N, C-alpha and C. Protein backbone atom coordinates (compact mmCIF):
# COMPACT_ATOMS: atom_id res chain seq x y z
N MET A 1 51.58 -29.13 303.43
CA MET A 1 52.54 -29.18 303.28
C MET A 1 53.54 -28.31 304.87
N SER A 2 54.09 -29.51 305.28
CA SER A 2 54.23 -29.00 306.53
C SER A 2 55.58 -28.14 306.63
N GLU A 3 55.89 -27.41 307.64
CA GLU A 3 56.68 -26.54 307.63
C GLU A 3 58.07 -26.80 307.22
N GLU A 4 58.38 -28.10 307.86
CA GLU A 4 59.64 -28.79 307.54
C GLU A 4 59.98 -29.28 306.27
N LYS A 5 58.88 -29.18 305.73
CA LYS A 5 59.01 -29.81 303.94
C LYS A 5 59.52 -28.07 302.94
N LYS A 6 58.82 -27.19 303.68
CA LYS A 6 59.77 -25.87 303.04
C LYS A 6 60.45 -25.42 303.44
N ILE A 7 61.58 -25.78 303.83
CA ILE A 7 62.74 -25.33 304.30
C ILE A 7 63.51 -25.19 303.08
N ILE A 8 63.94 -24.17 302.92
CA ILE A 8 64.87 -24.33 301.79
C ILE A 8 66.81 -24.69 302.12
N ILE A 9 66.74 -25.45 300.63
CA ILE A 9 68.16 -26.17 301.20
C ILE A 9 68.98 -25.45 300.25
N CYS A 10 69.04 -25.02 299.14
CA CYS A 10 69.72 -24.77 298.39
C CYS A 10 69.15 -23.25 297.88
N ARG A 11 70.01 -22.45 298.76
CA ARG A 11 69.21 -20.87 298.98
C ARG A 11 69.45 -20.09 297.25
N CYS A 12 70.58 -20.43 296.64
CA CYS A 12 70.59 -19.73 295.18
C CYS A 12 69.58 -19.83 294.62
N ASN A 13 68.95 -21.07 294.14
CA ASN A 13 68.02 -21.70 293.59
C ASN A 13 66.62 -22.50 293.92
N ASP A 14 66.60 -21.86 295.25
CA ASP A 14 65.35 -21.81 296.39
C ASP A 14 65.06 -22.80 296.27
N VAL A 15 65.54 -24.44 296.08
CA VAL A 15 65.07 -26.14 296.15
C VAL A 15 64.94 -26.17 297.75
N THR A 16 63.68 -27.20 297.91
CA THR A 16 63.90 -27.16 298.89
C THR A 16 63.62 -28.55 299.23
N LEU A 17 63.55 -29.09 300.58
CA LEU A 17 63.53 -30.35 301.28
C LEU A 17 62.73 -31.32 300.77
N GLU A 18 61.43 -30.57 300.39
CA GLU A 18 60.11 -31.13 300.17
C GLU A 18 60.61 -31.77 298.47
N GLU A 19 61.33 -31.08 297.34
CA GLU A 19 62.10 -31.08 296.28
C GLU A 19 63.02 -32.28 296.25
N ILE A 20 64.52 -31.99 297.01
CA ILE A 20 65.21 -33.31 297.12
C ILE A 20 64.31 -34.77 298.00
N GLU A 21 63.57 -34.58 299.05
CA GLU A 21 63.73 -36.53 299.17
C GLU A 21 62.14 -36.45 298.39
N ALA A 22 61.71 -35.77 297.59
CA ALA A 22 60.84 -36.11 296.54
C ALA A 22 61.54 -37.33 295.53
N LEU A 23 62.53 -36.54 295.34
CA LEU A 23 63.02 -37.07 294.13
C LEU A 23 64.22 -38.25 294.64
N ILE A 24 64.12 -38.24 296.25
CA ILE A 24 64.64 -39.73 296.50
C ILE A 24 64.11 -40.77 296.83
N ASP A 25 62.59 -40.53 297.13
CA ASP A 25 61.61 -41.56 297.12
C ASP A 25 61.43 -41.82 296.12
N GLN A 26 61.51 -41.32 294.80
CA GLN A 26 61.06 -42.04 293.67
C GLN A 26 62.85 -42.75 292.99
N GLY A 27 63.35 -42.88 293.79
CA GLY A 27 64.60 -43.76 293.61
C GLY A 27 66.11 -43.20 292.71
N ILE A 28 65.88 -41.42 292.79
CA ILE A 28 66.80 -40.70 292.78
C ILE A 28 67.84 -40.48 293.71
N THR A 29 68.92 -41.34 293.70
CA THR A 29 69.88 -41.19 295.10
C THR A 29 70.84 -40.55 294.79
N ASP A 30 71.30 -40.32 293.53
CA ASP A 30 72.86 -39.86 292.83
C ASP A 30 72.75 -38.49 293.48
N ILE A 31 73.45 -38.43 293.85
CA ILE A 31 73.92 -36.36 293.73
C ILE A 31 74.02 -35.92 292.32
N GLU A 32 74.66 -36.58 291.77
CA GLU A 32 74.98 -35.97 290.53
C GLU A 32 73.62 -35.93 289.68
N THR A 33 72.52 -36.70 289.48
CA THR A 33 71.08 -36.38 288.93
C THR A 33 70.51 -35.56 289.61
N ILE A 34 70.36 -35.64 291.00
CA ILE A 34 69.99 -34.29 292.05
C ILE A 34 70.48 -32.97 291.30
N LYS A 35 71.38 -32.91 291.07
CA LYS A 35 72.30 -31.91 290.96
C LYS A 35 71.76 -30.98 289.37
N ARG A 36 71.46 -32.20 289.07
CA ARG A 36 71.15 -31.45 287.43
C ARG A 36 69.66 -31.41 287.36
N LEU A 37 69.00 -32.41 288.22
CA LEU A 37 67.68 -31.62 288.04
C LEU A 37 67.01 -30.75 288.78
N LEU A 38 67.32 -30.68 289.73
CA LEU A 38 67.12 -29.38 290.74
C LEU A 38 67.87 -27.88 290.84
N ARG A 39 69.36 -28.22 290.23
CA ARG A 39 70.43 -27.14 290.26
C ARG A 39 70.78 -26.73 291.23
N ILE A 40 71.03 -27.84 292.19
CA ILE A 40 71.73 -27.56 293.61
C ILE A 40 73.02 -27.21 293.02
N GLY A 41 73.45 -26.41 293.90
CA GLY A 41 75.06 -26.48 293.44
C GLY A 41 75.77 -25.80 292.30
N MET A 42 74.27 -25.30 291.68
CA MET A 42 74.83 -24.40 290.36
C MET A 42 74.86 -22.43 290.49
N GLY A 43 74.63 -22.39 291.55
CA GLY A 43 74.19 -21.01 292.30
C GLY A 43 75.61 -20.41 292.37
N PRO A 44 75.45 -19.01 292.74
CA PRO A 44 76.65 -18.65 293.45
C PRO A 44 77.74 -19.00 294.15
N CYS A 45 77.16 -19.67 295.05
CA CYS A 45 77.81 -20.08 296.56
C CYS A 45 78.57 -21.61 295.92
N GLN A 46 78.44 -22.03 294.92
CA GLN A 46 78.73 -23.33 294.23
C GLN A 46 78.41 -24.66 295.28
N GLY A 47 77.70 -24.53 295.85
CA GLY A 47 77.24 -25.51 296.49
C GLY A 47 77.61 -25.67 298.00
N ARG A 48 78.58 -24.90 298.40
CA ARG A 48 79.28 -24.82 299.72
C ARG A 48 78.17 -24.96 301.06
N THR A 49 77.01 -24.49 300.45
CA THR A 49 76.65 -24.65 301.45
C THR A 49 75.31 -25.51 301.53
N CYS A 50 74.61 -25.50 299.95
CA CYS A 50 73.50 -26.96 300.07
C CYS A 50 74.01 -28.52 299.86
N LEU A 51 75.02 -28.49 299.13
CA LEU A 51 76.02 -30.21 298.94
C LEU A 51 76.10 -30.80 300.38
N PRO A 52 76.56 -29.84 301.30
CA PRO A 52 76.79 -30.78 302.43
C PRO A 52 75.36 -31.28 302.95
N MET A 53 74.20 -30.62 303.25
CA MET A 53 73.01 -30.65 303.60
C MET A 53 72.31 -32.15 302.27
N VAL A 54 72.91 -31.53 300.88
CA VAL A 54 72.01 -32.64 300.25
C VAL A 54 72.80 -34.40 300.41
N ILE A 55 74.29 -34.24 300.72
CA ILE A 55 74.36 -35.56 300.72
C ILE A 55 74.17 -36.15 302.82
N SER A 56 73.57 -35.02 303.46
CA SER A 56 73.03 -35.67 304.50
C SER A 56 71.78 -36.20 304.64
N ILE A 57 71.06 -35.22 303.70
CA ILE A 57 69.43 -35.76 303.27
C ILE A 57 69.75 -37.19 303.00
N ILE A 58 70.76 -37.09 301.78
CA ILE A 58 70.47 -38.47 301.22
C ILE A 58 71.03 -39.50 302.19
N ALA A 59 71.55 -39.43 302.65
CA ALA A 59 72.41 -40.38 303.68
C ALA A 59 71.23 -40.69 305.45
N ARG A 60 70.50 -40.02 305.15
CA ARG A 60 69.40 -40.18 306.41
C ARG A 60 68.36 -40.96 305.57
N LYS A 61 68.04 -40.61 304.33
CA LYS A 61 66.95 -41.33 303.55
C LYS A 61 67.37 -42.94 303.09
N THR A 62 68.67 -42.86 302.85
CA THR A 62 68.59 -44.17 301.90
C THR A 62 69.77 -45.13 303.01
N GLY A 63 70.24 -44.78 304.19
CA GLY A 63 70.59 -45.74 305.22
C GLY A 63 72.24 -45.59 305.10
N LYS A 64 72.62 -44.94 304.24
CA LYS A 64 74.16 -44.95 303.33
C LYS A 64 74.65 -44.04 304.60
N SER A 65 76.15 -44.12 304.69
CA SER A 65 77.09 -42.99 305.37
C SER A 65 77.67 -41.93 304.84
N PRO A 66 77.12 -40.75 305.14
CA PRO A 66 77.52 -39.55 304.33
C PRO A 66 79.12 -39.62 303.83
N GLU A 67 80.10 -40.44 303.75
CA GLU A 67 81.43 -40.86 303.49
C GLU A 67 80.93 -41.64 302.16
N GLU A 68 80.06 -42.61 302.13
CA GLU A 68 79.76 -43.14 300.86
C GLU A 68 79.06 -42.38 299.64
N ILE A 69 78.93 -40.98 300.18
CA ILE A 69 78.10 -40.55 298.51
C ILE A 69 79.19 -39.48 298.48
N LYS A 70 79.31 -39.46 297.34
CA LYS A 70 80.49 -38.97 296.69
C LYS A 70 79.69 -37.36 296.04
N LEU A 71 80.61 -36.49 296.29
CA LEU A 71 80.37 -35.03 295.37
C LEU A 71 80.30 -35.05 294.23
N PRO A 72 79.22 -34.45 293.55
CA PRO A 72 79.55 -34.10 292.61
C PRO A 72 80.19 -33.94 291.96
N ALA A 73 81.01 -34.22 290.29
CA ALA A 73 82.14 -33.94 289.22
C ALA A 73 81.84 -32.20 289.48
N THR A 74 83.18 -31.10 289.30
CA THR A 74 83.03 -29.92 288.93
C THR A 74 83.99 -30.11 287.94
N ARG A 75 83.23 -28.88 286.72
CA ARG A 75 83.94 -28.88 285.45
C ARG A 75 84.66 -26.99 285.69
N THR A 76 85.71 -27.48 285.03
CA THR A 76 86.45 -25.71 284.84
C THR A 76 85.92 -25.25 283.49
N PRO A 77 86.53 -24.09 283.75
CA PRO A 77 85.56 -23.89 282.19
C PRO A 77 86.83 -24.55 281.11
N VAL A 78 86.21 -24.49 279.79
CA VAL A 78 87.02 -24.81 278.71
C VAL A 78 88.05 -23.90 278.58
N ARG A 79 88.09 -22.97 277.96
CA ARG A 79 88.89 -21.81 277.94
C ARG A 79 88.83 -20.61 278.96
N PRO A 80 89.78 -20.09 279.22
CA PRO A 80 90.48 -19.50 281.00
C PRO A 80 89.24 -18.09 280.58
N VAL A 81 88.35 -17.44 281.37
CA VAL A 81 88.06 -16.54 281.63
C VAL A 81 88.43 -15.32 282.41
N PRO A 82 88.10 -14.45 282.70
CA PRO A 82 88.86 -13.20 283.36
C PRO A 82 87.95 -13.31 284.31
N ALA A 83 88.45 -13.09 285.53
CA ALA A 83 86.94 -12.83 286.39
C ALA A 83 86.19 -11.72 286.56
N GLY A 84 86.97 -10.05 285.61
CA GLY A 84 85.88 -8.87 285.27
C GLY A 84 84.98 -9.75 284.33
N VAL A 85 84.91 -10.58 283.32
CA VAL A 85 84.05 -10.76 282.28
C VAL A 85 82.42 -11.78 283.14
N LEU A 86 83.23 -12.18 284.35
CA LEU A 86 81.97 -12.76 284.79
C LEU A 86 81.58 -12.04 285.98
N VAL A 87 81.79 -10.65 286.17
CA VAL A 87 81.04 -9.75 287.16
C VAL A 87 80.49 -8.88 286.64
N GLY A 88 80.96 -9.10 285.00
CA GLY A 88 80.42 -8.03 283.94
C GLY A 88 81.07 -6.57 284.26
N GLU A 89 82.07 -6.58 284.87
CA GLU A 89 82.96 -5.04 284.54
C GLU A 89 84.45 -5.17 283.40
N MET A 90 83.97 -6.09 282.75
CA MET A 90 84.58 -5.90 281.45
C MET A 90 83.96 -6.92 280.06
N ASN A 91 84.41 -6.55 278.72
CA ASN A 91 83.78 -7.26 277.83
C ASN A 91 84.66 -8.73 277.37
N GLU A 92 84.00 -9.74 276.78
CA GLU A 92 84.72 -10.59 276.73
C GLU A 92 85.15 -10.43 275.43
N GLU A 93 86.59 -11.03 275.07
CA GLU A 93 86.98 -10.49 273.38
C GLU A 93 86.79 -11.95 272.88
């Protein structure tokens, strides 16, 4: 495996360039599907770092412009959750 393929694209979930390119080579070019399969954008940073890089990788591999590739859908909680619950400072009632 070349050093380039070991490049981590999503640090939150340790997803490599090789894993992303393998899916694209299999014909999976929809960023929403890649997100679901590899869990990119689902870590603590919520994709602030990796999603722009994945869009660039898809664009480079498919010949599309980055503007043609839509960001994956974001989903808010069904029921509001106090931030303290998320960080473990209080119990959810």
